[in-house]
Amino acid sequence: MALPLDSIIKLWDKNPRIRLLTFAFAIVLCFFFYGIMQEKIMRTCYGGEFIDGKCNGERFKYEMCLVFTYTTWNFLVARFLISINNRVQIFHDDEEDETHRGWYALCAVCNIGAILCSNMALRHINYPTQIIAKSCKPIPVMVLGYIIAKKHYTIQRYFFILILVAGVVLFNYKEGNHQSGEENSYLGLILVGISIVSGGTLGGIEERMRKTTKPRALEIMFNINLFSALFLSIAILLSLEFMTFYHFVSRYPEVLAKIAGAAFITALGQVFVFLTIANFGALPTSIATTTRKFFNVLVSVIFFGNTLITRQWIAVVIVFGALFADSFFGNKEIFNKNKENVKNTDVEKNAEMESLKTAEGNERV
């Protein structure tokens, strides 16, 4: 009689659905908790409390140090995965990366802009608003993908994106007699807009890289995070943010546990993202990351006191309905084209790159 552990291992090896469900659940779980930790870091009033939406204590304002921690963890994890992959070929990457490092440096600049502005926006808007607004990211990805990489999209995909935009507009619509406060700051929405454009530029550059040098997925993860950490370290030193950050964590040491937890969770999530990419492609990855965003909105409303009115709940359903439809039908079409025109190994590479744009990488996975 086989031991339970042996039975589990055999079932794991023979049943790809169990592996897929495990990876997808891990992605949802990791980035679900990452979202919670992120909101706790950025939305907590340290040494005080919120009165009429205003914090009478201190807010976390050290986004460069925060993002530096995340990118450092991520490039270390990527380096580890590359070392493992060179031995056991988990991710089916066996070609040398010929991409010029200048492209990775440019990607890192866009990556930093996207993540920093996204985090800074949380000073001025609540987490559900940030998530819904960032759902517009496919728009600059498509526009800049066409401009930079000459990539074309179907009418079906444009239709889903228009529905998505309608949902975002409905969510953020202000009634005539509404008085905007901290929770509805236009500055926060502007920062999200900059983040979206930066992410779209990054997606366009990656698409161009895919067409020219075809870099490996793990190499992209490693190099972008490496350059991001390098640039951020220089900025932190020149701006002396590390000193004010040190004084802040000295006063509120509990924030270190939150940062360490968020960094660990997002790095762990990267592992499952790339496992899913390598074994199952873009569609499951995209659906998993979209699912976790929806649950993050629910948790933010339930546990963080971010209330939504009926119109905004309708908008949430519209936005995520459009995202799920675009994830399923858009990526399904990509797979069908690849099956007809290219070999299976090329399908894996295309799936990897498509996933990098639909998943939230650092912030992008």
Protein backbone atom coordinates (compact mmCIF):
# COMPACT_ATOMS: atom_id res chain seq x y z
CA MET A 1 0.00 0.00 0.00
CA ALA A 2 1.45 3.32 -1.08
CA LEU A 3 2.09 5.98 1.52
CA PRO A 4 -0.19 9.05 1.40
CA LEU A 5 2.78 11.20 0.39
CA ASP A 6 3.62 8.86 -2.48
CA SER A 7 0.01 8.99 -3.64
CA ILE A 8 0.02 12.76 -3.53
CA ILE A 9 3.25 12.93 -5.55
CA LYS A 10 1.89 10.53 -8.18
CA LEU A 11 -1.36 12.49 -8.40
CA TRP A 12 0.62 15.73 -8.76
CA ASP A 13 2.73 14.29 -11.59
CA LYS A 14 -0.16 12.75 -13.51
CA ASN A 15 -2.86 15.40 -13.09
CA PRO A 16 -2.02 18.80 -14.63
CA ARG A 17 -5.34 20.25 -13.44
CA ILE A 18 -4.28 19.85 -9.83
CA ARG A 19 -1.00 21.63 -10.58
CA LEU A 20 -2.84 24.42 -12.37
CA LEU A 21 -5.33 24.90 -9.54
CA THR A 22 -2.50 24.89 -7.00
CA PHE A 23 -0.46 27.48 -8.90
CA ALA A 24 -3.51 29.68 -9.57
CA PHE A 25 -4.62 29.52 -5.94
CA ALA A 26 -1.10 30.41 -4.83
CA ILE A 27 -1.03 33.44 -7.16
CA VAL A 28 -4.39 34.67 -5.89
CA LEU A 29 -3.39 34.08 -2.27
CA CYS A 30 0.06 35.70 -2.51
CA PHE A 31 -1.01 38.87 -4.27
CA PHE A 32 -4.24 39.03 -2.30
CA PHE A 33 -2.23 39.34 0.90
CA TYR A 34 0.26 41.60 -0.87
CA GLY A 35 -2.58 44.02 -1.60
CA ILE A 36 -3.68 43.95 2.03
CA MET A 37 -0.13 44.57 3.29
CA GLN A 38 0.35 47.35 0.76
CA GLU A 39 -2.80 49.12 1.92
CA LYS A 40 -1.75 48.74 5.55
CA ILE A 41 1.63 50.31 4.82
CA MET A 42 0.39 53.24 2.78
CA ARG A 43 -3.01 53.96 4.37
CA THR A 44 -2.17 53.68 8.09
CA CYS A 45 -2.07 56.84 10.21
CA TYR A 46 1.04 56.26 12.32
CA GLY A 47 1.05 57.84 15.78
CA GLY A 48 -2.46 59.21 15.33
CA GLU A 49 -5.84 58.54 13.76
CA PHE A 50 -8.04 59.66 10.89
CA ILE A 51 -10.49 62.44 11.72
CA ASP A 52 -12.85 63.47 8.91
CA GLY A 53 -10.54 61.75 6.42
CA LYS A 54 -7.46 63.59 7.66
CA CYS A 55 -4.56 61.92 9.48
CA ASN A 56 -3.45 63.80 12.59
CA GLY A 57 -0.33 61.64 12.84
CA GLU A 58 2.16 60.59 10.16
CA ARG A 59 1.70 58.80 6.85
CA PHE A 60 4.25 56.57 5.11
CA LYS A 61 6.00 58.71 2.47
CA TYR A 62 9.06 56.65 1.60
CA GLU A 63 8.01 54.97 -1.62
CA MET A 64 11.53 54.77 -3.04
CA CYS A 65 12.78 52.77 -0.05
CA LEU A 66 9.68 50.58 -0.24
CA VAL A 67 10.02 49.85 -3.96
CA PHE A 68 13.78 49.33 -3.55
CA THR A 69 13.00 46.56 -1.05
CA TYR A 70 10.53 44.93 -3.43
CA THR A 71 12.80 45.05 -6.48
CA THR A 72 15.79 43.76 -4.51
CA TRP A 73 13.82 40.77 -3.29
CA ASN A 74 12.50 40.12 -6.79
CA PHE A 75 15.86 40.16 -8.58
CA LEU A 76 17.33 37.86 -5.89
CA VAL A 77 14.44 35.45 -6.39
CA ALA A 78 14.89 35.66 -10.17
CA ARG A 79 18.62 34.95 -9.82
CA PHE A 80 17.81 31.92 -7.69
CA LEU A 81 15.25 30.64 -10.20
CA ILE A 82 17.70 31.08 -13.08
CA SER A 83 20.28 29.01 -11.18
CA ILE A 84 17.72 26.29 -10.50
CA ASN A 85 16.44 26.41 -14.07
CA ASN A 86 19.94 25.91 -15.48
CA ARG A 87 19.95 22.54 -13.73
CA VAL A 88 16.41 21.19 -14.04
CA GLN A 89 14.84 23.31 -16.85
CA ILE A 90 11.63 24.15 -15.01
CA PHE A 91 10.84 27.07 -17.33
CA HIS A 92 12.08 25.59 -20.62
CA ASP A 93 14.54 28.44 -21.23
CA ASP A 94 17.66 27.21 -23.00
CA GLU A 95 18.79 30.11 -25.22
CA GLU A 96 21.27 32.86 -24.45
CA ASP A 97 19.79 36.29 -23.87
CA GLU A 98 21.11 38.68 -26.54
CA THR A 99 19.08 41.70 -25.41
CA HIS A 100 21.13 44.87 -25.00
CA ARG A 101 21.29 45.94 -21.36
CA GLY A 102 20.18 49.42 -22.39
CA TRP A 103 16.72 48.05 -23.13
CA TYR A 104 16.52 46.60 -19.63
CA ALA A 105 17.67 49.92 -18.15
CA LEU A 106 14.92 51.72 -20.06
CA CYS A 107 12.40 49.13 -18.89
CA ALA A 108 13.59 49.69 -15.32
CA VAL A 109 12.94 53.44 -15.57
CA CYS A 110 9.39 52.76 -16.75
CA ASN A 111 8.96 50.10 -14.08
CA ILE A 112 10.06 52.50 -11.34
CA GLY A 113 7.71 55.21 -12.60
CA ALA A 114 4.79 52.78 -12.69
CA ILE A 115 5.34 51.40 -9.19
CA LEU A 116 6.30 54.66 -7.46
CA CYS A 117 3.32 56.59 -8.81
CA SER A 118 1.01 53.71 -7.99
CA ASN A 119 2.18 53.69 -4.38
CA MET A 120 2.17 57.48 -4.07
CA ALA A 121 -1.43 57.53 -5.30
CA LEU A 122 -2.47 55.65 -2.16
CA ARG A 123 -1.69 58.77 -0.15
CA HIS A 124 -4.62 60.48 -1.86
CA ILE A 125 -7.12 57.81 -2.96
CA ASN A 126 -8.35 54.58 -1.42
CA TYR A 127 -7.28 51.15 -2.61
CA PRO A 128 -10.48 50.21 -4.52
CA THR A 129 -10.23 53.44 -6.52
CA GLN A 130 -6.59 52.71 -7.31
CA ILE A 131 -7.35 49.16 -8.50
CA ILE A 132 -10.28 50.22 -10.66
CA ALA A 133 -8.37 53.16 -12.17
CA LYS A 134 -5.34 50.96 -12.91
CA SER A 135 -7.63 48.60 -14.81
CA CYS A 136 -7.24 51.07 -17.69
CA LYS A 137 -3.68 49.81 -18.13
CA PRO A 138 -4.53 47.80 -21.31
CA ILE A 139 -5.21 51.09 -23.12
CA PRO A 140 -1.66 52.51 -23.09
CA VAL A 141 -0.31 48.98 -23.49
CA MET A 142 -2.26 48.63 -26.74
CA VAL A 143 -1.54 52.17 -27.99
CA LEU A 144 2.17 52.11 -27.18
CA GLY A 145 2.42 48.49 -28.30
CA TYR A 146 1.25 49.63 -31.71
CA ILE A 147 3.51 52.71 -31.79
CA ILE A 148 6.67 51.04 -30.47
CA ALA A 149 6.30 47.45 -31.67
CA LYS A 150 3.72 47.78 -34.51
CA LYS A 151 1.52 45.24 -32.75
CA HIS A 152 -2.08 44.93 -33.98
CA TYR A 153 -5.16 43.99 -31.96
CA THR A 154 -8.58 42.62 -32.86
CA ILE A 155 -11.86 44.56 -32.84
CA GLN A 156 -13.02 42.18 -30.12
CA ARG A 157 -10.24 43.32 -27.81
CA TYR A 158 -10.96 47.00 -28.50
CA PHE A 159 -14.62 46.34 -27.63
CA PHE A 160 -13.74 44.83 -24.25
CA ILE A 161 -11.43 47.74 -23.48
CA LEU A 162 -14.17 50.27 -24.28
CA ILE A 163 -16.48 48.48 -21.84
CA LEU A 164 -13.70 48.56 -19.26
CA VAL A 165 -13.23 52.32 -19.74
CA ALA A 166 -16.97 52.88 -19.35
CA GLY A 167 -16.87 51.01 -16.05
CA VAL A 168 -13.91 53.06 -14.79
CA VAL A 169 -15.62 56.33 -15.74
CA LEU A 170 -18.81 55.20 -13.98
CA PHE A 171 -16.84 54.28 -10.86
CA ASN A 172 -15.06 57.65 -10.62
CA TYR A 173 -17.96 59.85 -11.73
CA LYS A 174 -18.56 62.73 -9.30
CA GLU A 175 -22.08 64.03 -8.72
CA GLY A 176 -22.51 67.78 -9.06
CA ASN A 177 -22.84 68.53 -5.35
CA HIS A 178 -20.10 66.17 -4.26
CA GLN A 179 -17.32 67.70 -2.22
CA SER A 180 -14.07 65.98 -2.98
CA GLY A 181 -11.83 65.19 -0.05
CA GLU A 182 -8.70 63.19 0.48
CA GLU A 183 -10.39 59.95 -0.56
CA ASN A 184 -11.27 61.37 -3.99
CA SER A 185 -8.19 63.45 -4.75
CA TYR A 186 -7.60 64.25 -8.39
CA LEU A 187 -3.88 64.20 -7.64
CA GLY A 188 -4.21 60.52 -6.76
CA LEU A 189 -5.93 59.81 -10.08
CA ILE A 190 -3.24 61.77 -11.95
CA LEU A 191 -0.56 59.65 -10.26
CA VAL A 192 -2.42 56.50 -11.27
CA GLY A 193 -2.57 57.87 -14.81
CA ILE A 194 1.20 58.37 -14.87
CA SER A 195 1.61 54.85 -13.50
CA ILE A 196 -0.61 53.47 -16.24
CA VAL A 197 1.29 55.28 -19.01
CA SER A 198 4.62 54.12 -17.57
CA GLY A 199 3.34 50.56 -17.46
CA GLY A 200 2.04 50.85 -21.00
CA THR A 201 5.41 52.12 -22.21
CA LEU A 202 7.07 49.22 -20.44
CA GLY A 203 4.71 46.79 -22.16
CA GLY A 204 5.46 48.31 -25.56
CA ILE A 205 9.22 48.05 -25.01
CA GLU A 206 8.89 44.44 -23.89
CA GLU A 207 6.85 43.67 -27.00
CA ARG A 208 9.59 45.17 -29.17
CA MET A 209 12.20 43.11 -27.31
CA ARG A 210 10.13 39.98 -27.90
CA LYS A 211 10.06 40.61 -31.63
CA THR A 212 13.79 41.32 -31.93
CA THR A 213 15.91 39.47 -29.36
CA LYS A 214 13.31 37.16 -27.75
CA PRO A 215 14.63 37.42 -24.16
CA ARG A 216 13.86 34.71 -21.65
CA ALA A 217 11.10 35.41 -19.14
CA LEU A 218 13.36 34.91 -16.13
CA GLU A 219 16.02 37.14 -17.67
CA ILE A 220 13.43 39.89 -18.03
CA MET A 221 12.40 39.54 -14.41
CA PHE A 222 16.01 39.51 -13.20
CA ASN A 223 17.38 42.38 -15.29
CA ILE A 224 14.47 44.79 -14.89
CA ASN A 225 14.44 44.33 -11.12
CA LEU A 226 18.24 44.53 -10.95
CA PHE A 227 18.37 47.85 -12.83
CA SER A 228 15.37 49.12 -10.86
CA ALA A 229 17.09 48.37 -7.55
CA LEU A 230 20.33 49.98 -8.82
CA PHE A 231 18.63 53.21 -9.96
CA LEU A 232 16.54 53.41 -6.79
CA SER A 233 19.59 52.95 -4.57
CA ILE A 234 21.25 55.94 -6.28
CA ALA A 235 18.08 58.04 -5.92
CA ILE A 236 17.70 57.09 -2.26
CA LEU A 237 21.29 58.09 -1.50
CA LEU A 238 21.13 61.38 -3.42
CA SER A 239 17.77 62.39 -1.93
CA LEU A 240 18.78 61.25 1.57
CA GLU A 241 15.44 59.46 1.83
CA PHE A 242 17.17 56.59 3.60
CA MET A 243 17.81 58.90 6.58
CA THR A 244 14.22 60.04 6.97
CA PHE A 245 13.07 56.46 6.38
CA TYR A 246 15.40 55.28 9.15
CA HIS A 247 13.99 57.85 11.59
CA PHE A 248 10.44 56.88 10.60
CA VAL A 249 10.95 53.16 11.22
CA SER A 250 12.73 54.01 14.48
CA ARG A 251 9.55 55.72 15.65
CA TYR A 252 7.24 53.06 14.20
CA PRO A 253 9.20 49.77 14.02
CA GLU A 254 6.01 47.83 13.27
CA VAL A 255 6.17 49.08 9.68
CA LEU A 256 9.30 46.98 9.06
CA ALA A 257 7.33 43.77 9.60
CA LYS A 258 4.72 44.97 7.10
CA ILE A 259 7.35 45.83 4.49
CA ALA A 260 9.21 42.54 4.98
CA GLY A 261 5.95 40.61 4.73
CA ALA A 262 4.88 42.41 1.55
CA ALA A 263 8.32 41.93 -0.05
CA PHE A 264 8.38 38.22 0.78
CA ILE A 265 4.83 37.65 -0.44
CA THR A 266 5.32 39.45 -3.76
CA ALA A 267 8.58 37.57 -4.40
CA LEU A 268 6.89 34.26 -3.60
CA GLY A 269 4.04 35.22 -5.89
CA GLN A 270 6.56 35.74 -8.70
CA VAL A 271 7.66 32.13 -8.37
CA PHE A 272 4.12 30.83 -8.88
CA VAL A 273 3.49 33.29 -11.70
CA PHE A 274 6.45 31.99 -13.68
CA LEU A 275 5.60 28.38 -12.86
CA THR A 276 2.12 29.00 -14.28
CA ILE A 277 3.54 30.83 -17.31
CA ALA A 278 5.96 28.02 -18.11
CA ASN A 279 3.47 25.17 -17.66
CA PHE A 280 0.08 26.60 -18.63
CA GLY A 281 0.58 29.92 -20.45
CA ALA A 282 -0.99 33.37 -20.31
CA LEU A 283 -4.69 32.66 -19.88
CA PRO A 284 -4.65 31.06 -16.38
CA THR A 285 -2.14 33.65 -15.17
CA SER A 286 -4.26 36.55 -16.36
CA ILE A 287 -7.45 35.11 -14.85
CA ALA A 288 -5.72 34.46 -11.51
CA THR A 289 -4.33 37.99 -11.22
CA THR A 290 -7.67 39.53 -12.20
CA THR A 291 -9.46 37.38 -9.63
CA ARG A 292 -7.21 38.50 -6.81
CA LYS A 293 -7.81 42.17 -7.67
CA PHE A 294 -11.54 41.65 -7.35
CA PHE A 295 -11.13 40.05 -3.93
CA ASN A 296 -8.78 42.87 -2.88
CA VAL A 297 -11.55 45.36 -3.64
CA LEU A 298 -13.97 43.35 -1.50
CA VAL A 299 -11.53 43.07 1.41
CA SER A 300 -10.67 46.76 1.23
CA VAL A 301 -14.36 47.62 1.49
CA ILE A 302 -15.11 45.13 4.27
CA PHE A 303 -12.05 45.48 6.50
CA PHE A 304 -10.63 48.94 5.72
CA GLY A 305 -13.85 50.94 5.76
CA ASN A 306 -13.70 52.01 2.11
CA THR A 307 -17.40 52.24 1.30
CA LEU A 308 -18.79 52.04 -2.24
CA ILE A 309 -22.18 53.25 -3.39
CA THR A 310 -24.48 51.21 -5.64
CA ARG A 311 -23.23 52.90 -8.82
CA GLN A 312 -19.64 52.02 -7.95
CA TRP A 313 -20.52 48.37 -7.27
CA ILE A 314 -22.13 48.22 -10.71
CA ALA A 315 -18.95 49.74 -12.14
CA VAL A 316 -16.83 47.12 -10.33
CA VAL A 317 -18.86 44.33 -11.96
CA ILE A 318 -18.52 45.98 -15.39
CA VAL A 319 -14.75 46.48 -15.04
CA PHE A 320 -13.95 42.98 -13.88
CA GLY A 321 -16.40 41.45 -16.35
CA ALA A 322 -14.52 43.21 -19.15
CA LEU A 323 -11.15 42.14 -17.72
CA PHE A 324 -12.20 38.49 -17.47
CA ALA A 325 -13.64 38.56 -20.99
CA ASP A 326 -10.50 40.16 -22.41
CA SER A 327 -8.28 37.71 -20.51
CA PHE A 328 -10.21 34.68 -21.73
CA PHE A 329 -11.08 35.55 -25.32
CA GLY A 330 -8.00 37.66 -26.04
CA ASN A 331 -5.46 35.09 -24.87
CA LYS A 332 -7.50 32.24 -26.32
CA GLU A 333 -7.18 33.85 -29.74
CA ILE A 334 -3.42 34.18 -29.29
CA PHE A 335 -3.16 30.49 -28.49
CA ASN A 336 -5.23 29.48 -31.52
CA LYS A 337 -3.02 31.52 -33.85
CA ASN A 338 0.11 30.07 -32.37
CA LYS A 339 -1.16 26.52 -32.72
CA GLU A 340 -1.73 27.06 -36.41
CA ASN A 341 1.44 28.93 -37.28
CA VAL A 342 4.29 28.07 -34.94
CA LYS A 343 5.87 25.20 -33.10
CA ASN A 344 5.05 24.39 -29.51
CA THR A 345 8.25 25.92 -28.15
CA ASP A 346 7.35 29.24 -29.73
CA VAL A 347 3.92 29.06 -28.13
CA GLU A 348 5.57 28.87 -24.72
CA LYS A 349 7.71 31.93 -25.41
CA ASN A 350 4.76 33.96 -26.70
CA ALA A 351 2.69 32.92 -23.70
CA GLU A 352 5.45 34.03 -21.37
CA MET A 353 5.65 37.49 -22.86
CA GLU A 354 1.89 37.98 -23.02
CA SER A 355 1.68 37.02 -19.37
CA LEU A 356 4.26 39.60 -18.41
CA LYS A 357 1.88 42.28 -19.63
CA THR A 358 -1.29 40.89 -18.09
CA ALA A 359 0.13 39.90 -14.73
CA GLU A 360 0.74 42.59 -12.03
CA GLY A 361 5.86 41.73 -12.13
CA ASN A 362 6.43 43.54 -8.98
CA GLU A 363 3.33 45.69 -9.21
CA ARG A 364 2.55 44.20 -12.60
CA VAL A 365 1.86 40.66 -11.39
